[in-house]
Amino acid sequence: MYFSKKGLEPVQTEQTSIWTCNKEGCTCWMRDALSFKETPTCPICSSTMVHSTKMLPVLNRH
């Protein structure tokens, strides 16, 4: 018998505003819309974060 995988629907992405950690070697980032502070600090290493953009999947927030 042969079973084929169903075709997955392509994920929609968009240019999203994010905060990225400024410390060398730390890869932490967070969506700007989900940040609680105006200028957040990194939750991993407590360094400052800088504003940036990234292609991310669209969130359906109701």
Protein backbone atom coordinates (compact mmCIF):
# COMPACT_ATOMS: atom_id res chain seq x y z
CA MET A 1 0.00 0.00 0.00
CA TYR A 2 1.05 3.53 -0.67
CA PHE A 3 0.07 6.44 1.55
CA SER A 4 0.95 9.93 0.51
CA LYS A 5 1.19 12.87 2.85
CA LYS A 6 -1.46 15.49 2.42
CA GLY A 7 -0.14 18.70 0.97
CA LEU A 8 0.45 21.18 3.77
CA GLU A 9 -0.89 24.67 3.40
CA PRO A 10 1.96 27.16 2.93
CA VAL A 11 2.62 29.32 5.99
CA GLN A 12 1.94 33.01 5.40
CA THR A 13 4.79 35.24 6.54
CA GLU A 14 5.10 38.98 6.92
CA GLN A 15 7.77 41.53 7.83
CA THR A 16 7.36 41.82 11.62
CA SER A 17 8.73 44.39 14.05
CA ILE A 18 10.89 42.68 16.71
CA TRP A 19 13.38 43.36 19.50
CA THR A 20 16.74 41.54 19.29
CA CYS A 21 19.38 41.19 21.99
CA ASN A 22 22.37 43.49 21.56
CA LYS A 23 24.87 41.15 23.29
CA GLU A 24 27.32 39.20 21.11
CA GLY A 25 26.44 35.51 21.06
CA CYS A 26 22.90 35.89 22.47
CA THR A 27 20.23 34.94 19.93
CA CYS A 28 17.19 36.02 21.94
CA TRP A 29 14.46 38.03 20.19
CA MET A 30 10.78 38.86 20.77
CA ARG A 31 7.91 40.31 18.77
CA ASP A 32 7.38 44.01 19.40
CA ALA A 33 3.60 43.49 19.68
CA LEU A 34 4.12 40.96 22.52
CA SER A 35 6.56 43.07 24.52
CA PHE A 36 5.31 44.59 27.79
CA LYS A 37 7.90 47.37 28.04
CA GLU A 38 8.60 50.30 25.74
CA THR A 39 12.29 49.33 25.63
CA PRO A 40 12.66 45.73 26.89
CA THR A 41 15.75 44.04 28.30
CA CYS A 42 16.78 40.56 27.22
CA PRO A 43 15.04 37.91 29.37
CA ILE A 44 18.01 35.55 28.90
CA CYS A 45 21.07 37.73 29.62
CA SER A 46 19.53 41.08 30.80
CA SER A 47 21.30 43.08 28.06
CA THR A 48 19.70 45.91 26.12
CA MET A 49 17.59 45.08 23.07
CA VAL A 50 17.47 46.90 19.74
CA HIS A 51 14.56 47.35 17.36
CA SER A 52 14.68 45.32 14.12
CA THR A 53 12.46 43.46 11.63
CA LYS A 54 12.21 39.78 10.68
CA MET A 55 10.10 37.64 8.33
CA LEU A 56 7.81 35.64 10.65
CA PRO A 57 4.61 33.63 10.35
CA VAL A 58 1.44 35.69 10.72
CA LEU A 59 -0.23 35.40 14.14
CA ASN A 60 -4.01 35.25 14.26
CA ARG A 61 -4.71 37.27 17.38
CA HIS A 62 -8.39 37.59 18.19
